[in-house]
Amino acid sequence: MEHTLIKSLFFDTDCISAFLWVKKEWLLHTLYPGRIILPKPVYGEISKVDHLKAQVDSMNASKHLTIEEILVGSAEFEIYNSLAISPTGGQKIIGRGEAASIAFAKVRAGIVASNNLKDISNYIREFNLEHVTTGDILYEALKKRIITESQGNMIWSRMISKRRKLGAHTFSEFLKVYT
């Protein structure tokens, strides 16, 4: 029997948006029931697009995700502040959504869900965090027979048409290169 820890996934804007734009958020709550956390800064970014906000509000109302506030003075706030507001030691400021996801994942021993590897990979290594991308999530859906490779390619294509940056031209290419 495979033994795995049940960890929360802390989504940044680009990763959850990939699923929201193509109306495939059901994949997330099928794969990660009760484990999807959206930091409040991510919710703020998503709220700029009415239909994405409505989808997230619906997921929140049906308990498919939780929106978490970063409290001033908390351990999460200290990390968030050092990444997004006032970095130390010449570090580059990263987006508030990415910073919030990293801060929550670090403090709460969770997983960062982000496609923005360029901005966050140093912090993923520095904080020794687990990390998944949209491709990894679709691959997990494939392994669990929730989608087929063909369906994965259709979803991937629609995500790219919505200007999502996924690192490969097709899902099949992702599978060859990244798995």
N, C-alpha and C. Protein backbone atom coordinates (compact mmCIF):
# COMPACT_ATOMS: atom_id res chain seq x y z
N MET A 1 0.84 -1.19 0.00
CA MET A 1 0.00 0.00 0.00
C MET A 1 0.88 1.25 0.00
N GLU A 2 0.54 2.18 -0.86
CA GLU A 2 1.29 3.43 -0.94
C GLU A 2 0.85 4.33 0.21
N HIS A 3 1.81 4.90 0.91
CA HIS A 3 1.50 5.79 2.03
C HIS A 3 1.87 7.21 1.65
N THR A 4 0.89 8.09 1.60
CA THR A 4 1.17 9.49 1.27
C THR A 4 0.57 10.39 2.33
N LEU A 5 1.24 11.48 2.58
CA LEU A 5 0.71 12.48 3.48
C LEU A 5 -0.31 13.33 2.73
N ILE A 6 -1.34 13.72 3.40
CA ILE A 6 -2.34 14.59 2.79
C ILE A 6 -1.93 16.03 3.10
N LYS A 7 -1.48 16.72 2.07
CA LYS A 7 -1.02 18.10 2.23
C LYS A 7 -1.94 19.03 1.47
N SER A 8 -2.05 20.24 1.98
CA SER A 8 -2.81 21.27 1.27
C SER A 8 -1.99 21.81 0.12
N LEU A 9 -2.69 22.24 -0.93
CA LEU A 9 -2.05 22.89 -2.07
C LEU A 9 -2.39 24.36 -2.02
N PHE A 10 -1.35 25.19 -2.04
CA PHE A 10 -1.50 26.64 -1.99
C PHE A 10 -1.28 27.18 -3.40
N PHE A 11 -2.38 27.57 -4.03
CA PHE A 11 -2.35 27.98 -5.44
C PHE A 11 -1.98 29.44 -5.59
N ASP A 12 -1.15 29.71 -6.60
CA ASP A 12 -0.96 31.09 -6.99
C ASP A 12 -1.89 31.38 -8.16
N THR A 13 -1.92 32.60 -8.60
CA THR A 13 -2.91 33.04 -9.58
C THR A 13 -2.78 32.31 -10.92
N ASP A 14 -1.55 32.17 -11.43
CA ASP A 14 -1.41 31.58 -12.76
C ASP A 14 -1.85 30.13 -12.80
N CYS A 15 -1.60 29.37 -11.75
CA CYS A 15 -1.93 27.95 -11.77
C CYS A 15 -3.45 27.74 -11.68
N ILE A 16 -4.10 28.36 -10.72
CA ILE A 16 -5.55 28.15 -10.62
C ILE A 16 -6.27 28.77 -11.81
N SER A 17 -5.75 29.89 -12.32
CA SER A 17 -6.37 30.54 -13.48
C SER A 17 -6.37 29.65 -14.71
N ALA A 18 -5.33 28.84 -14.88
CA ALA A 18 -5.28 27.94 -16.03
C ALA A 18 -6.52 27.04 -16.06
N PHE A 19 -6.94 26.57 -14.89
CA PHE A 19 -8.11 25.70 -14.81
C PHE A 19 -9.41 26.51 -14.89
N LEU A 20 -9.43 27.68 -14.27
CA LEU A 20 -10.63 28.51 -14.29
C LEU A 20 -10.97 29.00 -15.70
N TRP A 21 -9.96 29.45 -16.45
CA TRP A 21 -10.20 29.99 -17.79
C TRP A 21 -10.85 28.98 -18.72
N VAL A 22 -10.55 27.69 -18.52
CA VAL A 22 -11.11 26.66 -19.41
C VAL A 22 -12.23 25.86 -18.72
N LYS A 23 -12.68 26.37 -17.57
CA LYS A 23 -13.78 25.77 -16.81
C LYS A 23 -13.52 24.29 -16.46
N LYS A 24 -12.30 24.03 -16.01
CA LYS A 24 -11.92 22.67 -15.60
C LYS A 24 -11.51 22.63 -14.12
N GLU A 25 -12.02 23.58 -13.35
CA GLU A 25 -11.68 23.59 -11.92
C GLU A 25 -12.17 22.34 -11.20
N TRP A 26 -13.16 21.66 -11.77
CA TRP A 26 -13.64 20.41 -11.17
C TRP A 26 -12.51 19.38 -11.04
N LEU A 27 -11.53 19.44 -11.94
CA LEU A 27 -10.38 18.53 -11.82
C LEU A 27 -9.65 18.75 -10.49
N LEU A 28 -9.55 20.00 -10.08
CA LEU A 28 -8.82 20.32 -8.85
C LEU A 28 -9.53 19.74 -7.63
N HIS A 29 -10.84 19.96 -7.54
CA HIS A 29 -11.50 19.43 -6.33
C HIS A 29 -11.77 17.94 -6.41
N THR A 30 -11.67 17.36 -7.60
CA THR A 30 -11.72 15.90 -7.71
C THR A 30 -10.41 15.29 -7.20
N LEU A 31 -9.30 15.90 -7.59
CA LEU A 31 -7.98 15.40 -7.18
C LEU A 31 -7.63 15.76 -5.73
N TYR A 32 -8.03 16.94 -5.29
CA TYR A 32 -7.57 17.46 -4.00
C TYR A 32 -8.74 17.91 -3.13
N PRO A 33 -9.67 17.03 -2.83
CA PRO A 33 -10.83 17.46 -2.04
C PRO A 33 -10.42 18.00 -0.66
N GLY A 34 -10.91 19.20 -0.36
CA GLY A 34 -10.63 19.81 0.93
C GLY A 34 -9.20 20.29 1.11
N ARG A 35 -8.41 20.28 0.03
CA ARG A 35 -6.98 20.62 0.16
C ARG A 35 -6.57 21.83 -0.66
N ILE A 36 -7.52 22.53 -1.28
CA ILE A 36 -7.20 23.66 -2.15
C ILE A 36 -7.30 24.95 -1.34
N ILE A 37 -6.18 25.64 -1.22
CA ILE A 37 -6.14 26.89 -0.46
C ILE A 37 -5.74 28.01 -1.42
N LEU A 38 -6.52 29.08 -1.36
CA LEU A 38 -6.25 30.27 -2.16
C LEU A 38 -5.89 31.40 -1.20
N PRO A 39 -4.62 31.84 -1.20
CA PRO A 39 -4.27 32.98 -0.36
C PRO A 39 -5.06 34.22 -0.80
N LYS A 40 -5.40 35.07 0.17
CA LYS A 40 -6.20 36.27 -0.12
C LYS A 40 -5.58 37.14 -1.23
N PRO A 41 -4.25 37.32 -1.30
CA PRO A 41 -3.70 38.10 -2.41
C PRO A 41 -4.00 37.47 -3.78
N VAL A 42 -4.07 36.16 -3.86
CA VAL A 42 -4.42 35.48 -5.11
C VAL A 42 -5.89 35.76 -5.43
N TYR A 43 -6.73 35.66 -4.41
CA TYR A 43 -8.15 35.96 -4.61
C TYR A 43 -8.33 37.39 -5.11
N GLY A 44 -7.55 38.31 -4.58
CA GLY A 44 -7.61 39.71 -5.02
C GLY A 44 -7.24 39.85 -6.50
N GLU A 45 -6.22 39.12 -6.93
CA GLU A 45 -5.81 39.16 -8.34
C GLU A 45 -6.89 38.55 -9.23
N ILE A 46 -7.44 37.42 -8.82
CA ILE A 46 -8.47 36.75 -9.61
C ILE A 46 -9.74 37.59 -9.67
N SER A 47 -10.02 38.33 -8.61
CA SER A 47 -11.25 39.13 -8.54
C SER A 47 -11.31 40.25 -9.57
N LYS A 48 -10.18 40.53 -10.23
CA LYS A 48 -10.16 41.55 -11.28
C LYS A 48 -10.89 41.09 -12.55
N VAL A 49 -11.13 39.78 -12.66
CA VAL A 49 -11.86 39.22 -13.81
C VAL A 49 -13.16 38.61 -13.26
N ASP A 50 -14.27 39.26 -13.60
CA ASP A 50 -15.56 38.91 -12.98
C ASP A 50 -15.90 37.43 -13.03
N HIS A 51 -15.78 36.80 -14.21
CA HIS A 51 -16.20 35.39 -14.29
C HIS A 51 -15.27 34.46 -13.53
N LEU A 52 -13.97 34.80 -13.42
CA LEU A 52 -13.06 33.99 -12.62
C LEU A 52 -13.39 34.14 -11.14
N LYS A 53 -13.68 35.35 -10.71
CA LYS A 53 -14.09 35.59 -9.33
C LYS A 53 -15.36 34.81 -9.01
N ALA A 54 -16.33 34.81 -9.93
CA ALA A 54 -17.58 34.08 -9.71
C ALA A 54 -17.32 32.58 -9.55
N GLN A 55 -16.39 32.03 -10.37
CA GLN A 55 -16.06 30.62 -10.26
C GLN A 55 -15.41 30.31 -8.91
N VAL A 56 -14.49 31.17 -8.48
CA VAL A 56 -13.83 30.96 -7.19
C VAL A 56 -14.83 31.10 -6.05
N ASP A 57 -15.70 32.10 -6.14
CA ASP A 57 -16.72 32.27 -5.10
C ASP A 57 -17.61 31.03 -5.00
N SER A 58 -17.95 30.45 -6.15
CA SER A 58 -18.76 29.24 -6.17
C SER A 58 -18.00 28.06 -5.53
N MET A 59 -16.73 27.93 -5.86
CA MET A 59 -15.91 26.87 -5.27
C MET A 59 -15.79 27.06 -3.76
N ASN A 60 -15.66 28.31 -3.33
CA ASN A 60 -15.56 28.61 -1.90
C ASN A 60 -16.88 28.30 -1.20
N ALA A 61 -18.00 28.70 -1.80
CA ALA A 61 -19.31 28.47 -1.20
C ALA A 61 -19.61 26.97 -1.07
N SER A 62 -19.13 26.18 -2.04
CA SER A 62 -19.37 24.73 -1.99
C SER A 62 -18.25 23.98 -1.27
N LYS A 63 -17.38 24.72 -0.60
CA LYS A 63 -16.29 24.16 0.22
C LYS A 63 -15.26 23.38 -0.60
N HIS A 64 -15.14 23.70 -1.90
CA HIS A 64 -14.12 23.07 -2.73
C HIS A 64 -12.77 23.76 -2.60
N LEU A 65 -12.77 24.98 -2.07
CA LEU A 65 -11.53 25.66 -1.75
C LEU A 65 -11.75 26.58 -0.57
N THR A 66 -10.65 26.98 0.03
CA THR A 66 -10.68 27.89 1.16
C THR A 66 -9.82 29.09 0.82
N ILE A 67 -10.33 30.28 1.12
CA ILE A 67 -9.55 31.51 0.94
C ILE A 67 -8.96 31.87 2.30
N GLU A 68 -7.63 32.03 2.33
CA GLU A 68 -6.92 32.28 3.58
C GLU A 68 -6.29 33.66 3.61
N GLU A 69 -6.53 34.37 4.67
CA GLU A 69 -5.96 35.70 4.90
C GLU A 69 -4.56 35.55 5.53
N ILE A 70 -3.65 36.44 5.16
CA ILE A 70 -2.34 36.49 5.82
C ILE A 70 -2.45 37.52 6.93
N LEU A 71 -2.30 37.07 8.15
CA LEU A 71 -2.45 37.96 9.30
C LEU A 71 -1.13 38.67 9.62
N VAL A 72 -1.21 39.97 9.78
CA VAL A 72 -0.02 40.75 10.14
C VAL A 72 0.55 40.19 11.44
N GLY A 73 1.86 40.01 11.45
CA GLY A 73 2.52 39.49 12.64
C GLY A 73 2.65 37.97 12.66
N SER A 74 1.97 37.29 11.75
CA SER A 74 2.05 35.83 11.69
C SER A 74 3.36 35.39 11.02
N ALA A 75 3.70 34.13 11.18
CA ALA A 75 4.88 33.58 10.52
C ALA A 75 4.73 33.69 9.00
N GLU A 76 3.51 33.47 8.50
CA GLU A 76 3.25 33.61 7.06
C GLU A 76 3.52 35.04 6.60
N PHE A 77 3.10 36.01 7.41
CA PHE A 77 3.28 37.40 7.04
C PHE A 77 4.76 37.75 6.95
N GLU A 78 5.56 37.25 7.87
CA GLU A 78 6.99 37.55 7.86
C GLU A 78 7.64 37.07 6.56
N ILE A 79 7.31 35.85 6.13
CA ILE A 79 7.87 35.32 4.89
C ILE A 79 7.31 36.10 3.70
N TYR A 80 6.01 36.30 3.67
CA TYR A 80 5.33 37.04 2.59
C TYR A 80 5.97 38.42 2.42
N ASN A 81 6.14 39.12 3.53
CA ASN A 81 6.72 40.47 3.51
C ASN A 81 8.13 40.44 2.95
N SER A 82 8.91 39.43 3.33
CA SER A 82 10.31 39.36 2.87
C SER A 82 10.40 38.99 1.38
N LEU A 83 9.34 38.45 0.80
CA LEU A 83 9.36 38.06 -0.61
C LEU A 83 8.69 39.09 -1.52
N ALA A 84 7.62 39.72 -1.04
CA ALA A 84 6.80 40.58 -1.91
C ALA A 84 6.88 42.07 -1.59
N ILE A 85 7.31 42.42 -0.38
CA ILE A 85 7.29 43.83 0.02
C ILE A 85 8.70 44.38 0.22
N SER A 86 9.44 43.78 1.14
CA SER A 86 10.78 44.29 1.41
C SER A 86 11.79 43.14 1.53
N PRO A 87 12.26 42.67 0.37
CA PRO A 87 13.23 41.56 0.39
C PRO A 87 14.55 41.97 1.02
N THR A 88 15.22 40.97 1.56
CA THR A 88 16.52 41.22 2.19
C THR A 88 17.63 40.65 1.33
N GLY A 89 18.83 41.14 1.52
CA GLY A 89 20.01 40.59 0.86
C GLY A 89 19.98 40.65 -0.66
N GLY A 90 19.39 41.70 -1.21
CA GLY A 90 19.40 41.86 -2.66
C GLY A 90 18.46 40.93 -3.42
N GLN A 91 17.59 40.27 -2.69
CA GLN A 91 16.62 39.39 -3.35
C GLN A 91 15.65 40.21 -4.18
N LYS A 92 15.16 39.61 -5.27
CA LYS A 92 14.22 40.26 -6.16
C LYS A 92 12.79 40.12 -5.60
N ILE A 93 12.00 41.17 -5.68
CA ILE A 93 10.60 41.11 -5.26
C ILE A 93 9.84 40.19 -6.22
N ILE A 94 9.00 39.31 -5.66
CA ILE A 94 8.15 38.47 -6.50
C ILE A 94 6.70 38.90 -6.29
N GLY A 95 5.82 38.39 -7.15
CA GLY A 95 4.41 38.74 -7.06
C GLY A 95 3.79 38.37 -5.74
N ARG A 96 2.77 39.10 -5.36
CA ARG A 96 2.12 38.86 -4.07
C ARG A 96 1.44 37.50 -4.00
N GLY A 97 0.88 37.06 -5.11
CA GLY A 97 0.25 35.73 -5.14
C GLY A 97 1.27 34.62 -4.93
N GLU A 98 2.39 34.70 -5.66
CA GLU A 98 3.45 33.71 -5.49
C GLU A 98 4.01 33.75 -4.07
N ALA A 99 4.25 34.97 -3.57
CA ALA A 99 4.81 35.12 -2.22
C ALA A 99 3.88 34.53 -1.16
N ALA A 100 2.58 34.78 -1.30
CA ALA A 100 1.62 34.27 -0.33
C ALA A 100 1.57 32.74 -0.38
N SER A 101 1.58 32.18 -1.58
CA SER A 101 1.54 30.72 -1.72
C SER A 101 2.77 30.08 -1.08
N ILE A 102 3.93 30.67 -1.32
CA ILE A 102 5.17 30.16 -0.74
C ILE A 102 5.14 30.28 0.78
N ALA A 103 4.70 31.42 1.28
CA ALA A 103 4.67 31.64 2.74
C ALA A 103 3.76 30.62 3.42
N PHE A 104 2.56 30.43 2.88
CA PHE A 104 1.64 29.45 3.48
C PHE A 104 2.21 28.04 3.40
N ALA A 105 2.75 27.67 2.23
CA ALA A 105 3.28 26.31 2.07
C ALA A 105 4.43 26.06 3.03
N LYS A 106 5.28 27.07 3.24
CA LYS A 106 6.41 26.91 4.16
C LYS A 106 5.94 26.73 5.59
N VAL A 107 5.07 27.61 6.04
CA VAL A 107 4.64 27.57 7.44
C VAL A 107 3.74 26.37 7.73
N ARG A 108 2.93 25.99 6.77
CA ARG A 108 1.93 24.93 6.99
C ARG A 108 2.31 23.60 6.35
N ALA A 109 3.56 23.46 5.93
CA ALA A 109 4.06 22.22 5.34
C ALA A 109 3.17 21.73 4.20
N GLY A 110 2.86 22.66 3.29
CA GLY A 110 2.01 22.33 2.15
C GLY A 110 2.79 22.32 0.84
N ILE A 111 2.05 22.35 -0.25
CA ILE A 111 2.61 22.27 -1.60
C ILE A 111 2.27 23.56 -2.34
N VAL A 112 3.25 24.14 -3.02
CA VAL A 112 3.03 25.33 -3.84
C VAL A 112 2.55 24.86 -5.22
N ALA A 113 1.43 25.42 -5.67
CA ALA A 113 0.91 25.13 -7.02
C ALA A 113 1.12 26.39 -7.86
N SER A 114 2.12 26.35 -8.75
CA SER A 114 2.49 27.52 -9.54
C SER A 114 3.17 27.10 -10.82
N ASN A 115 2.91 27.85 -11.89
CA ASN A 115 3.61 27.63 -13.16
C ASN A 115 4.78 28.61 -13.32
N ASN A 116 4.89 29.55 -12.42
CA ASN A 116 5.85 30.65 -12.56
C ASN A 116 7.22 30.26 -12.01
N LEU A 117 7.85 29.29 -12.66
CA LEU A 117 9.10 28.74 -12.14
C LEU A 117 10.23 29.76 -12.13
N LYS A 118 10.24 30.65 -13.11
CA LYS A 118 11.33 31.62 -13.20
C LYS A 118 11.42 32.46 -11.92
N ASP A 119 10.29 32.93 -11.44
CA ASP A 119 10.29 33.80 -10.26
C ASP A 119 10.43 33.06 -8.94
N ILE A 120 9.98 31.81 -8.87
CA ILE A 120 9.90 31.17 -7.56
C ILE A 120 10.87 30.02 -7.32
N SER A 121 11.54 29.53 -8.35
CA SER A 121 12.35 28.32 -8.17
C SER A 121 13.42 28.47 -7.09
N ASN A 122 14.04 29.64 -6.98
CA ASN A 122 15.04 29.84 -5.92
C ASN A 122 14.42 29.68 -4.53
N TYR A 123 13.21 30.21 -4.37
CA TYR A 123 12.54 30.10 -3.06
C TYR A 123 12.05 28.69 -2.78
N ILE A 124 11.62 27.99 -3.83
CA ILE A 124 11.20 26.60 -3.65
C ILE A 124 12.39 25.80 -3.10
N ARG A 125 13.57 26.03 -3.68
CA ARG A 125 14.78 25.34 -3.20
C ARG A 125 15.17 25.83 -1.80
N GLU A 126 15.22 27.15 -1.63
CA GLU A 126 15.65 27.72 -0.35
C GLU A 126 14.80 27.22 0.83
N PHE A 127 13.48 27.15 0.61
CA PHE A 127 12.57 26.73 1.69
C PHE A 127 12.28 25.23 1.65
N ASN A 128 12.92 24.51 0.71
CA ASN A 128 12.75 23.07 0.58
C ASN A 128 11.26 22.68 0.48
N LEU A 129 10.58 23.31 -0.47
CA LEU A 129 9.14 23.11 -0.63
C LEU A 129 8.82 22.13 -1.75
N GLU A 130 7.68 21.47 -1.59
CA GLU A 130 7.13 20.69 -2.69
C GLU A 130 6.42 21.66 -3.62
N HIS A 131 6.38 21.29 -4.91
CA HIS A 131 5.86 22.21 -5.91
C HIS A 131 5.19 21.41 -7.02
N VAL A 132 4.05 21.88 -7.50
CA VAL A 132 3.40 21.28 -8.67
C VAL A 132 3.03 22.38 -9.65
N THR A 133 2.96 21.99 -10.93
CA THR A 133 2.52 22.90 -11.99
C THR A 133 1.20 22.39 -12.56
N THR A 134 0.63 23.17 -13.46
CA THR A 134 -0.58 22.73 -14.16
C THR A 134 -0.33 21.39 -14.85
N GLY A 135 0.84 21.24 -15.47
CA GLY A 135 1.18 19.97 -16.13
C GLY A 135 1.20 18.81 -15.15
N ASP A 136 1.77 19.02 -13.98
CA ASP A 136 1.82 17.96 -12.96
C ASP A 136 0.41 17.56 -12.53
N ILE A 137 -0.47 18.55 -12.40
CA ILE A 137 -1.85 18.29 -11.98
C ILE A 137 -2.58 17.48 -13.07
N LEU A 138 -2.41 17.88 -14.32
CA LEU A 138 -3.04 17.12 -15.41
C LEU A 138 -2.46 15.71 -15.49
N TYR A 139 -1.16 15.57 -15.25
CA TYR A 139 -0.53 14.25 -15.25
C TYR A 139 -1.13 13.38 -14.14
N GLU A 140 -1.35 13.96 -12.97
CA GLU A 140 -1.97 13.20 -11.88
C GLU A 140 -3.39 12.78 -12.26
N ALA A 141 -4.12 13.67 -12.93
CA ALA A 141 -5.47 13.33 -13.40
C ALA A 141 -5.42 12.18 -14.42
N LEU A 142 -4.40 12.18 -15.27
CA LEU A 142 -4.21 11.11 -16.24
C LEU A 142 -3.90 9.79 -15.52
N LYS A 143 -2.96 9.83 -14.57
CA LYS A 143 -2.58 8.61 -13.82
C LYS A 143 -3.78 8.02 -13.08
N LYS A 144 -4.66 8.88 -12.59
CA LYS A 144 -5.84 8.40 -11.84
C LYS A 144 -7.03 8.12 -12.76
N ARG A 145 -6.79 8.20 -14.06
CA ARG A 145 -7.80 7.90 -15.08
C ARG A 145 -9.02 8.81 -15.00
N ILE A 146 -8.78 10.03 -14.58
CA ILE A 146 -9.84 11.05 -14.56
C ILE A 146 -9.96 11.67 -15.95
N ILE A 147 -8.81 11.78 -16.63
CA ILE A 147 -8.78 12.24 -18.03
C ILE A 147 -7.93 11.28 -18.84
N THR A 148 -8.09 11.32 -20.15
CA THR A 148 -7.23 10.58 -21.05
C THR A 148 -6.15 11.54 -21.56
N GLU A 149 -5.14 10.99 -22.23
CA GLU A 149 -4.11 11.86 -22.80
C GLU A 149 -4.72 12.79 -23.85
N SER A 150 -5.67 12.28 -24.62
CA SER A 150 -6.35 13.09 -25.62
C SER A 150 -7.11 14.25 -24.97
N GLN A 151 -7.82 13.96 -23.90
CA GLN A 151 -8.52 15.03 -23.17
C GLN A 151 -7.52 16.03 -22.59
N GLY A 152 -6.40 15.51 -22.08
CA GLY A 152 -5.35 16.38 -21.56
C GLY A 152 -4.83 17.32 -22.62
N ASN A 153 -4.66 16.81 -23.85
CA ASN A 153 -4.21 17.65 -24.96
C ASN A 153 -5.24 18.73 -25.30
N MET A 154 -6.53 18.38 -25.25
CA MET A 154 -7.58 19.37 -25.54
C MET A 154 -7.60 20.46 -24.46
N ILE A 155 -7.50 20.05 -23.21
CA ILE A 155 -7.48 21.01 -22.10
C ILE A 155 -6.26 21.91 -22.24
N TRP A 156 -5.09 21.31 -22.51
CA TRP A 156 -3.82 22.03 -22.66
C TRP A 156 -3.94 23.08 -23.76
N SER A 157 -4.48 22.66 -24.89
CA SER A 157 -4.64 23.55 -26.04
C SER A 157 -5.54 24.74 -25.70
N ARG A 158 -6.63 24.47 -24.99
CA ARG A 158 -7.52 25.56 -24.58
C ARG A 158 -6.83 26.49 -23.58
N MET A 159 -6.04 25.94 -22.68
CA MET A 159 -5.30 26.78 -21.73
C MET A 159 -4.33 27.70 -22.47
N ILE A 160 -3.60 27.14 -23.43
CA ILE A 160 -2.66 27.95 -24.21
C ILE A 160 -3.40 29.03 -24.99
N SER A 161 -4.58 28.69 -25.53
CA SER A 161 -5.35 29.69 -26.28
C SER A 161 -5.80 30.83 -25.37
N LYS A 162 -5.84 30.58 -24.06
CA LYS A 162 -6.17 31.63 -23.08
C LYS A 162 -4.89 32.27 -22.52
N ARG A 163 -3.81 32.13 -23.26
CA ARG A 163 -2.51 32.73 -22.95
C ARG A 163 -1.90 32.24 -21.63
N ARG A 164 -2.15 31.00 -21.29
CA ARG A 164 -1.49 30.39 -20.13
C ARG A 164 -0.13 29.89 -20.59
N LYS A 165 0.90 30.11 -19.81
CA LYS A 165 2.25 29.65 -20.13
C LYS A 165 2.50 28.33 -19.39
N LEU A 166 2.61 27.24 -20.16
CA LEU A 166 2.67 25.92 -19.56
C LEU A 166 4.00 25.19 -19.76
N GLY A 167 4.91 25.77 -20.55
CA GLY A 167 6.23 25.17 -20.69
C GLY A 167 6.37 24.11 -21.77
N ALA A 168 5.27 23.71 -22.39
CA ALA A 168 5.32 22.77 -23.52
C ALA A 168 4.16 23.12 -24.45
N HIS A 169 4.29 22.72 -25.71
CA HIS A 169 3.25 23.07 -26.69
C HIS A 169 2.00 22.22 -26.54
N THR A 170 2.19 20.95 -26.12
CA THR A 170 1.06 20.04 -25.95
C THR A 170 1.23 19.27 -24.64
N PHE A 171 0.16 18.67 -24.19
CA PHE A 171 0.23 17.82 -23.00
C PHE A 171 1.11 16.61 -23.29
N SER A 172 0.98 16.04 -24.49
CA SER A 172 1.82 14.89 -24.86
C SER A 172 3.30 15.25 -24.81
N GLU A 173 3.64 16.45 -25.29
CA GLU A 173 5.04 16.91 -25.22
C GLU A 173 5.47 17.05 -23.76
N PHE A 174 4.59 17.61 -22.93
CA PHE A 174 4.89 17.72 -21.50
C PHE A 174 5.19 16.34 -20.93
N LEU A 175 4.37 15.35 -21.25
CA LEU A 175 4.56 14.00 -20.72
C LEU A 175 5.91 13.41 -21.13
N LYS A 176 6.33 13.67 -22.36
CA LYS A 176 7.61 13.14 -22.84
C LYS A 176 8.78 13.82 -22.15
N VAL A 177 8.68 15.13 -21.96
CA VAL A 177 9.81 15.91 -21.44
C VAL A 177 9.89 15.87 -19.90
N TYR A 178 8.74 15.94 -19.25
CA TYR A 178 8.74 16.17 -17.81
C TYR A 178 8.42 14.96 -16.94
N THR A 179 8.01 13.86 -17.55
CA THR A 179 7.67 12.71 -16.70
C THR A 179 8.60 11.54 -16.93
